[in-house]
Structures are given as C-alpha cells and as structure tokens.
Amino acid sequence: NYKKALEYYDKSLRIKQETGDKKGMANSLSNIGIIYKLQGNYEQALEYYDKTLRINQEIGDKWGMASSYNNIGSVYYGKGNYEQALEYFDRSLKINQEIGDKKSIATCYNNIGIIYDDQGNHEQAMANYGKSLKIYQEIGDKKRMAHSYNNIGGIYKNQGNYKKALEYYDKSLRIKQETGDKKGMANSLSNIGIIYKLQGNY
C-alpha cells in the first residue's frame, strides 16, 4: 500500500524536520525514495535519494553515504543506465571498504556483478560474484550465499557449461531447503529444470 506508506513516511519526515533530527530526516527521505523506486517512478526516487545523500554528507555519516550511493546506483540500473549505475556502486564499495562493512561490500560486488552479467561480460561478472560469495561465506550469510550460487549458476548456463550450472544451482537449492526458503526453492528448481530442458533431458 504505497499511498499509505508515503503518507506515514511524510508524517515522520515532518516531525524529524521540526526536531532537527538530520539522521532521521535522511532515513525518512530514503524510505520515500524506496517507495517511488518500487512504483517505477525513477526520477522521484533519484530526487529523494539525492536529498538523503546530501544530508548524510553534511553530517558525515559514511554508512549512510554508502547506502545512498548504492540506492542511486540501483535506480540507474533500473533505468538501464549501466555506466552511471557502475559509477555509484563503485563509490558505495569504496566507502564500505573504508568503514569495513563486509556485508555491504559483498552487496556492492554482487550489484556490480549483475551489471556485467547483463552486459554479457561473463569474466567480470564471475569475478565480482566470486568476491561477493567469499564474503558471504566468511560472515555466514546463508541467504545471500544461496543468491550468489544462483548468480554463478546463471553465468555457467549462459556459457553453455550446463554441468557447472547444475552444480551451482544445486548448491543454491540445498541452502534454500536448509533455511526453509520456499520461494527460493521454487526458483532454484525452475532453474534446474531449464538446464535439463536445454540438455534435452525432458
């Protein structure tokens, strides 16, 4: 219910503006940006993410800045502007490396990998997915590990290496079964089915 969400985020923003809570203002502005992005209103989303970024820069909130850069990058990705998206994901990555936020570093590598994947640059996509996966393994983030395995499987599928694709889709499926992620399990089973179909194993 985006209309109601916007209404309450706006109420929250007004109170934070009245009380001079800059960090809170940045948070509310970011949430409003997320709603506009979900609605496909990229221009409005960019406007609010930009306001968020400026406040985070003003108060010196590096984590907030990195998050803003990532959000802006995701909007450019949604618009199909890969060059701008890469630029912002890279800015986010650099700050996250500076502050040592491993989970966010992995997210940046994953996002960069997705862009290279969409561009058909399998080598760069695989390199970034690999970096992302290694960090998720280090911090024990199973949900995102499963996501990384799935992405790597997709690259092998596109390269015609069906044996390796099945191997990674299976790794992804096992984690999703372990964590009870039914939607994820359905996705992995579908991907495995696609490989068998491509192999003619009806």
C-alpha atoms as a PDB file:
ATOM      1  CA  ASN A   1       0.000   0.000   0.000  1.00  0.00           C
ATOM      2  CA  TYR A   2       2.384   2.639  -1.331  1.00  0.00           C
ATOM      3  CA  LYS A   3      -0.024   5.550  -0.891  1.00  0.00           C
ATOM      4  CA  LYS A   4      -0.364   4.885   2.855  1.00  0.00           C
ATOM      5  CA  ALA A   5       3.371   4.202   3.203  1.00  0.00           C
ATOM      6  CA  LEU A   6       4.188   7.579   1.621  1.00  0.00           C
ATOM      7  CA  GLU A   7       1.666   9.293   3.895  1.00  0.00           C
ATOM      8  CA  TYR A   8       3.284   7.922   7.064  1.00  0.00           C
ATOM      9  CA  TYR A   9       6.870   8.423   5.894  1.00  0.00           C
ATOM     10  CA  ASP A  10       5.931  12.034   5.125  1.00  0.00           C
ATOM     11  CA  LYS A  11       4.468  12.497   8.630  1.00  0.00           C
ATOM     12  CA  SER A  12       7.653  11.059  10.089  1.00  0.00           C
ATOM     13  CA  LEU A  13       9.790  13.358   7.925  1.00  0.00           C
ATOM     14  CA  ARG A  14       7.893  16.464   9.061  1.00  0.00           C
ATOM     15  CA  ILE A  15       8.433  15.653  12.759  1.00  0.00           C
ATOM     16  CA  LYS A  16      12.122  14.966  12.158  1.00  0.00           C
ATOM     17  CA  GLN A  17      12.435  18.307  10.330  1.00  0.00           C
ATOM     18  CA  GLU A  18      10.720  20.098  13.240  1.00  0.00           C
ATOM     19  CA  THR A  19      13.046  18.491  15.805  1.00  0.00           C
ATOM     20  CA  GLY A  20      16.163  18.977  13.648  1.00  0.00           C
ATOM     21  CA  ASP A  21      16.881  15.223  13.559  1.00  0.00           C
ATOM     22  CA  LYS A  22      19.093  15.152  10.465  1.00  0.00           C
ATOM     23  CA  LYS A  23      19.898  11.427  10.605  1.00  0.00           C
ATOM     24  CA  GLY A  24      16.189  10.711  10.987  1.00  0.00           C
ATOM     25  CA  MET A  25      15.397  13.031   8.081  1.00  0.00           C
ATOM     26  CA  ALA A  26      17.853  11.147   5.875  1.00  0.00           C
ATOM     27  CA  ASN A  27      16.226   7.860   6.880  1.00  0.00           C
ATOM     28  CA  SER A  28      12.700   9.071   6.056  1.00  0.00           C
ATOM     29  CA  LEU A  29      13.813  10.611   2.748  1.00  0.00           C
ATOM     30  CA  SER A  30      15.480   7.326   1.821  1.00  0.00           C
ATOM     31  CA  ASN A  31      12.311   5.368   2.641  1.00  0.00           C
ATOM     32  CA  ILE A  32      10.256   7.730   0.474  1.00  0.00           C
ATOM     33  CA  GLY A  33      12.789   7.185  -2.328  1.00  0.00           C
ATOM     34  CA  ILE A  34      12.362   3.410  -1.953  1.00  0.00           C
ATOM     35  CA  ILE A  35       8.588   3.729  -2.408  1.00  0.00           C
ATOM     36  CA  TYR A  36       8.999   5.805  -5.572  1.00  0.00           C
ATOM     37  CA  LYS A  37      11.502   3.262  -6.897  1.00  0.00           C
ATOM     38  CA  LEU A  38       9.089   0.389  -6.198  1.00  0.00           C
ATOM     39  CA  GLN A  39       6.451   2.324  -8.124  1.00  0.00           C
ATOM     40  CA  GLY A  40       8.849   2.693 -11.056  1.00  0.00           C
ATOM     41  CA  ASN A  41       8.997   6.464 -10.577  1.00  0.00           C
ATOM     42  CA  TYR A  42      12.767   6.672 -11.017  1.00  0.00           C
ATOM     43  CA  GLU A  43      13.022  10.452 -11.294  1.00  0.00           C
ATOM     44  CA  GLN A  44      11.259  10.992  -7.948  1.00  0.00           C
ATOM     45  CA  ALA A  45      13.307   8.206  -6.383  1.00  0.00           C
ATOM     46  CA  LEU A  46      16.544   9.868  -7.558  1.00  0.00           C
ATOM     47  CA  GLU A  47      15.386  13.203  -6.172  1.00  0.00           C
ATOM     48  CA  TYR A  48      14.818  11.747  -2.697  1.00  0.00           C
ATOM     49  CA  TYR A  49      17.966   9.617  -2.712  1.00  0.00           C
ATOM     50  CA  ASP A  50      19.932  12.721  -3.676  1.00  0.00           C
ATOM     51  CA  LYS A  51      18.420  14.662  -0.751  1.00  0.00           C
ATOM     52  CA  THR A  52      19.346  11.746   1.523  1.00  0.00           C
ATOM     53  CA  LEU A  53      22.907  11.719   0.202  1.00  0.00           C
ATOM     54  CA  ARG A  54      23.351  15.456   0.786  1.00  0.00           C
ATOM     55  CA  ILE A  55      22.238  15.171   4.421  1.00  0.00           C
ATOM     56  CA  ASN A  56      24.490  12.150   5.006  1.00  0.00           C
ATOM     57  CA  GLN A  57      27.424  14.102   3.536  1.00  0.00           C
ATOM     58  CA  GLU A  58      26.569  17.103   5.722  1.00  0.00           C
ATOM     59  CA  ILE A  59      26.527  15.065   8.972  1.00  0.00           C
ATOM     60  CA  GLY A  60      29.482  12.894   7.899  1.00  0.00           C
ATOM     61  CA  ASP A  61      27.534   9.632   8.036  1.00  0.00           C
ATOM     62  CA  LYS A  62      29.720   7.381   5.884  1.00  0.00           C
ATOM     63  CA  TRP A  63      27.492   4.319   6.181  1.00  0.00           C
ATOM     64  CA  GLY A  64      24.541   6.497   5.119  1.00  0.00           C
ATOM     65  CA  MET A  65      26.547   7.896   2.201  1.00  0.00           C
ATOM     66  CA  ALA A  66      27.487   4.388   1.033  1.00  0.00           C
ATOM     67  CA  SER A  67      23.843   3.321   1.278  1.00  0.00           C
ATOM     68  CA  SER A  68      22.734   6.394  -0.703  1.00  0.00           C
ATOM     69  CA  TYR A  69      25.274   5.726  -3.453  1.00  0.00           C
ATOM     70  CA  ASN A  70      24.051   2.126  -3.646  1.00  0.00           C
ATOM     71  CA  ASN A  71      20.406   3.242  -3.851  1.00  0.00           C
ATOM     72  CA  ILE A  72      21.197   5.779  -6.573  1.00  0.00           C
ATOM     73  CA  GLY A  73      23.111   3.081  -8.468  1.00  0.00           C
ATOM     74  CA  SER A  74      20.112   0.756  -8.272  1.00  0.00           C
ATOM     75  CA  VAL A  75      17.878   3.451  -9.810  1.00  0.00           C
ATOM     76  CA  TYR A  76      20.290   3.965 -12.711  1.00  0.00           C
ATOM     77  CA  TYR A  77      20.377   0.184 -13.144  1.00  0.00           C
ATOM     78  CA  GLY A  78      16.569   0.154 -13.264  1.00  0.00           C
ATOM     79  CA  LYS A  79      16.702   2.828 -15.962  1.00  0.00           C
ATOM     80  CA  GLY A  80      19.188   0.740 -17.961  1.00  0.00           C
ATOM     81  CA  ASN A  81      21.973   3.295 -17.475  1.00  0.00           C
ATOM     82  CA  TYR A  82      24.724   0.792 -16.664  1.00  0.00           C
ATOM     83  CA  GLU A  83      27.616   3.254 -16.805  1.00  0.00           C
ATOM     84  CA  GLN A  84      26.095   5.535 -14.152  1.00  0.00           C
ATOM     85  CA  ALA A  85      24.993   2.536 -12.079  1.00  0.00           C
ATOM     86  CA  LEU A  86      28.556   1.145 -12.027  1.00  0.00           C
ATOM     87  CA  GLU A  87      29.923   4.534 -11.042  1.00  0.00           C
ATOM     88  CA  TYR A  88      27.629   4.770  -7.995  1.00  0.00           C
ATOM     89  CA  PHE A  89      28.058   1.130  -6.968  1.00  0.00           C
ATOM     90  CA  ASP A  90      31.818   1.697  -7.097  1.00  0.00           C
ATOM     91  CA  ARG A  91      31.523   4.796  -4.882  1.00  0.00           C
ATOM     92  CA  SER A  92      29.468   2.785  -2.415  1.00  0.00           C
ATOM     93  CA  LEU A  93      32.035  -0.041  -2.491  1.00  0.00           C
ATOM     94  CA  LYS A  94      34.945   2.303  -1.722  1.00  0.00           C
ATOM     95  CA  ILE A  95      33.243   3.787   1.348  1.00  0.00           C
ATOM     96  CA  ASN A  96      32.143   0.366   2.613  1.00  0.00           C
ATOM     97  CA  GLN A  97      35.736  -0.868   2.267  1.00  0.00           C
ATOM     98  CA  GLU A  98      36.896   2.205   4.183  1.00  0.00           C
ATOM     99  CA  ILE A  99      34.497   1.556   7.093  1.00  0.00           C
ATOM    100  CA  GLY A 100      34.905  -2.235   6.940  1.00  0.00           C
ATOM    101  CA  ASP A 101      31.244  -3.128   6.408  1.00  0.00           C
ATOM    102  CA  LYS A 102      31.669  -6.638   4.996  1.00  0.00           C
ATOM    103  CA  LYS A 103      28.002  -7.331   4.266  1.00  0.00           C
ATOM    104  CA  SER A 104      27.679  -4.085   2.292  1.00  0.00           C
ATOM    105  CA  ILE A 105      30.976  -4.730   0.475  1.00  0.00           C
ATOM    106  CA  ALA A 106      29.586  -8.094  -0.659  1.00  0.00           C
ATOM    107  CA  THR A 107      26.328  -6.438  -1.758  1.00  0.00           C
ATOM    108  CA  CYS A 108      28.291  -3.946  -3.875  1.00  0.00           C
ATOM    109  CA  TYR A 109      30.304  -6.722  -5.538  1.00  0.00           C
ATOM    110  CA  ASN A 110      27.045  -8.564  -6.228  1.00  0.00           C
ATOM    111  CA  ASN A 111      25.411  -5.461  -7.754  1.00  0.00           C
ATOM    112  CA  ILE A 112      28.472  -4.789  -9.915  1.00  0.00           C
ATOM    113  CA  GLY A 113      28.400  -8.443 -10.981  1.00  0.00           C
ATOM    114  CA  ILE A 114      24.741  -8.163 -12.036  1.00  0.00           C
ATOM    115  CA  ILE A 115      25.558  -5.247 -14.340  1.00  0.00           C
ATOM    116  CA  TYR A 116      28.469  -7.070 -16.004  1.00  0.00           C
ATOM    117  CA  ASP A 117      26.224 -10.135 -16.283  1.00  0.00           C
ATOM    118  CA  ASP A 118      23.527  -8.108 -18.056  1.00  0.00           C
ATOM    119  CA  GLN A 119      26.184  -6.697 -20.396  1.00  0.00           C
ATOM    120  CA  GLY A 120      27.349 -10.212 -21.260  1.00  0.00           C
ATOM    121  CA  ASN A 121      30.761  -9.647 -19.664  1.00  0.00           C
ATOM    122  CA  HIS A 122      30.914 -13.095 -18.058  1.00  0.00           C
ATOM    123  CA  GLU A 123      34.514 -12.790 -16.852  1.00  0.00           C
ATOM    124  CA  GLN A 124      33.931  -9.601 -14.845  1.00  0.00           C
ATOM    125  CA  ALA A 125      30.535 -10.844 -13.635  1.00  0.00           C
ATOM    126  CA  MET A 126      32.072 -14.083 -12.351  1.00  0.00           C
ATOM    127  CA  ALA A 127      34.933 -12.208 -10.645  1.00  0.00           C
ATOM    128  CA  ASN A 128      32.538  -9.942  -8.751  1.00  0.00           C
ATOM    129  CA  TYR A 129      30.077 -12.720  -7.879  1.00  0.00           C
ATOM    130  CA  GLY A 130      33.047 -14.737  -6.600  1.00  0.00           C
ATOM    131  CA  LYS A 131      34.214 -11.895  -4.328  1.00  0.00           C
ATOM    132  CA  SER A 132      30.675 -11.446  -3.075  1.00  0.00           C
ATOM    133  CA  LEU A 133      30.247 -15.172  -2.353  1.00  0.00           C
ATOM    134  CA  LYS A 134      33.566 -15.387  -0.463  1.00  0.00           C
ATOM    135  CA  ILE A 135      32.490 -12.620   1.929  1.00  0.00           C
ATOM    136  CA  TYR A 136      29.017 -14.129   2.464  1.00  0.00           C
ATOM    137  CA  GLN A 137      30.733 -17.431   3.317  1.00  0.00           C
ATOM    138  CA  GLU A 138      33.055 -15.637   5.762  1.00  0.00           C
ATOM    139  CA  ILE A 139      30.185 -13.922   7.605  1.00  0.00           C
ATOM    140  CA  GLY A 140      27.874 -16.952   7.385  1.00  0.00           C
ATOM    141  CA  ASP A 141      25.086 -15.205   5.465  1.00  0.00           C
ATOM    142  CA  LYS A 142      23.348 -18.281   4.053  1.00  0.00           C
ATOM    143  CA  LYS A 143      20.514 -16.491   2.295  1.00  0.00           C
ATOM    144  CA  ARG A 144      22.920 -14.381   0.259  1.00  0.00           C
ATOM    145  CA  MET A 145      25.281 -17.313  -0.293  1.00  0.00           C
ATOM    146  CA  ALA A 146      22.358 -19.097  -1.976  1.00  0.00           C
ATOM    147  CA  HIS A 147      21.740 -15.993  -4.084  1.00  0.00           C
ATOM    148  CA  SER A 148      25.408 -15.882  -5.149  1.00  0.00           C
ATOM    149  CA  TYR A 149      25.437 -19.583  -6.073  1.00  0.00           C
ATOM    150  CA  ASN A 150      22.346 -18.951  -8.187  1.00  0.00           C
ATOM    151  CA  ASN A 151      24.001 -15.995  -9.980  1.00  0.00           C
ATOM    152  CA  ILE A 152      27.151 -18.011 -10.709  1.00  0.00           C
ATOM    153  CA  GLY A 153      24.988 -20.871 -11.983  1.00  0.00           C
ATOM    154  CA  GLY A 154      23.330 -18.413 -14.353  1.00  0.00           C
ATOM    155  CA  ILE A 155      26.674 -17.422 -15.855  1.00  0.00           C
ATOM    156  CA  TYR A 156      27.631 -21.069 -16.450  1.00  0.00           C
ATOM    157  CA  LYS A 157      24.214 -21.589 -18.076  1.00  0.00           C
ATOM    158  CA  ASN A 158      24.785 -18.623 -20.426  1.00  0.00           C
ATOM    159  CA  GLN A 159      28.236 -20.008 -21.282  1.00  0.00           C
ATOM    160  CA  GLY A 160      26.711 -23.390 -22.141  1.00  0.00           C
ATOM    161  CA  ASN A 161      28.512 -25.119 -19.262  1.00  0.00           C
ATOM    162  CA  TYR A 162      25.443 -26.990 -18.061  1.00  0.00           C
ATOM    163  CA  LYS A 163      27.331 -29.345 -15.719  1.00  0.00           C
ATOM    164  CA  LYS A 164      28.739 -26.418 -13.688  1.00  0.00           C
ATOM    165  CA  ALA A 165      25.388 -24.577 -13.860  1.00  0.00           C
ATOM    166  CA  LEU A 166      23.633 -27.589 -12.306  1.00  0.00           C
ATOM    167  CA  GLU A 167      26.337 -27.824  -9.635  1.00  0.00           C
ATOM    168  CA  TYR A 168      25.799 -24.216  -8.521  1.00  0.00           C
ATOM    169  CA  TYR A 169      22.007 -24.278  -8.837  1.00  0.00           C
ATOM    170  CA  ASP A 170      22.072 -27.407  -6.643  1.00  0.00           C
ATOM    171  CA  LYS A 171      24.255 -25.657  -4.034  1.00  0.00           C
ATOM    172  CA  SER A 172      21.764 -22.793  -4.008  1.00  0.00           C
ATOM    173  CA  LEU A 173      18.815 -25.195  -3.677  1.00  0.00           C
ATOM    174  CA  ARG A 174      20.371 -27.073  -0.735  1.00  0.00           C
ATOM    175  CA  ILE A 175      20.804 -23.856   1.278  1.00  0.00           C
ATOM    176  CA  LYS A 176      17.244 -22.758   0.478  1.00  0.00           C
ATOM    177  CA  GLN A 177      15.949 -26.152   1.643  1.00  0.00           C
ATOM    178  CA  GLU A 178      18.036 -25.859   4.800  1.00  0.00           C
ATOM    179  CA  THR A 179      16.689 -22.370   5.580  1.00  0.00           C
ATOM    180  CA  GLY A 180      13.096 -23.166   4.548  1.00  0.00           C
ATOM    181  CA  ASP A 181      13.062 -20.538   1.795  1.00  0.00           C
ATOM    182  CA  LYS A 182      10.155 -21.899  -0.276  1.00  0.00           C
ATOM    183  CA  LYS A 183      10.117 -19.090  -2.837  1.00  0.00           C
ATOM    184  CA  GLY A 184      13.874 -19.531  -3.308  1.00  0.00           C
ATOM    185  CA  MET A 185      13.485 -23.313  -3.588  1.00  0.00           C
ATOM    186  CA  ALA A 186      10.901 -22.839  -6.356  1.00  0.00           C
ATOM    187  CA  ASN A 187      13.292 -20.513  -8.192  1.00  0.00           C
ATOM    188  CA  SER A 188      16.200 -22.975  -7.935  1.00  0.00           C
ATOM    189  CA  LEU A 189      14.059 -25.949  -9.025  1.00  0.00           C
ATOM    190  CA  SER A 190      12.878 -23.922 -12.026  1.00  0.00           C
ATOM    191  CA  ASN A 191      16.491 -23.070 -12.958  1.00  0.00           C
ATOM    192  CA  ILE A 192      17.486 -26.739 -12.674  1.00  0.00           C
ATOM    193  CA  GLY A 193      14.521 -27.661 -14.876  1.00  0.00           C
ATOM    194  CA  ILE A 194      15.677 -25.161 -17.505  1.00  0.00           C
ATOM    195  CA  ILE A 195      19.138 -26.783 -17.630  1.00  0.00           C
ATOM    196  CA  TYR A 196      17.669 -30.270 -18.082  1.00  0.00           C
ATOM    197  CA  LYS A 197      15.452 -28.911 -20.848  1.00  0.00           C
ATOM    198  CA  LEU A 198      18.474 -27.310 -22.552  1.00  0.00           C
ATOM    199  CA  GLN A 199      20.220 -30.704 -22.333  1.00  0.00           C
ATOM    200  CA  GLY A 200      17.172 -32.368 -23.915  1.00  0.00           C
ATOM    201  CA  ASN A 201      16.534 -34.363 -20.719  1.00  0.00           C
ATOM    202  CA  TYR A 202      12.758 -33.965 -20.818  1.00  0.00           C
END
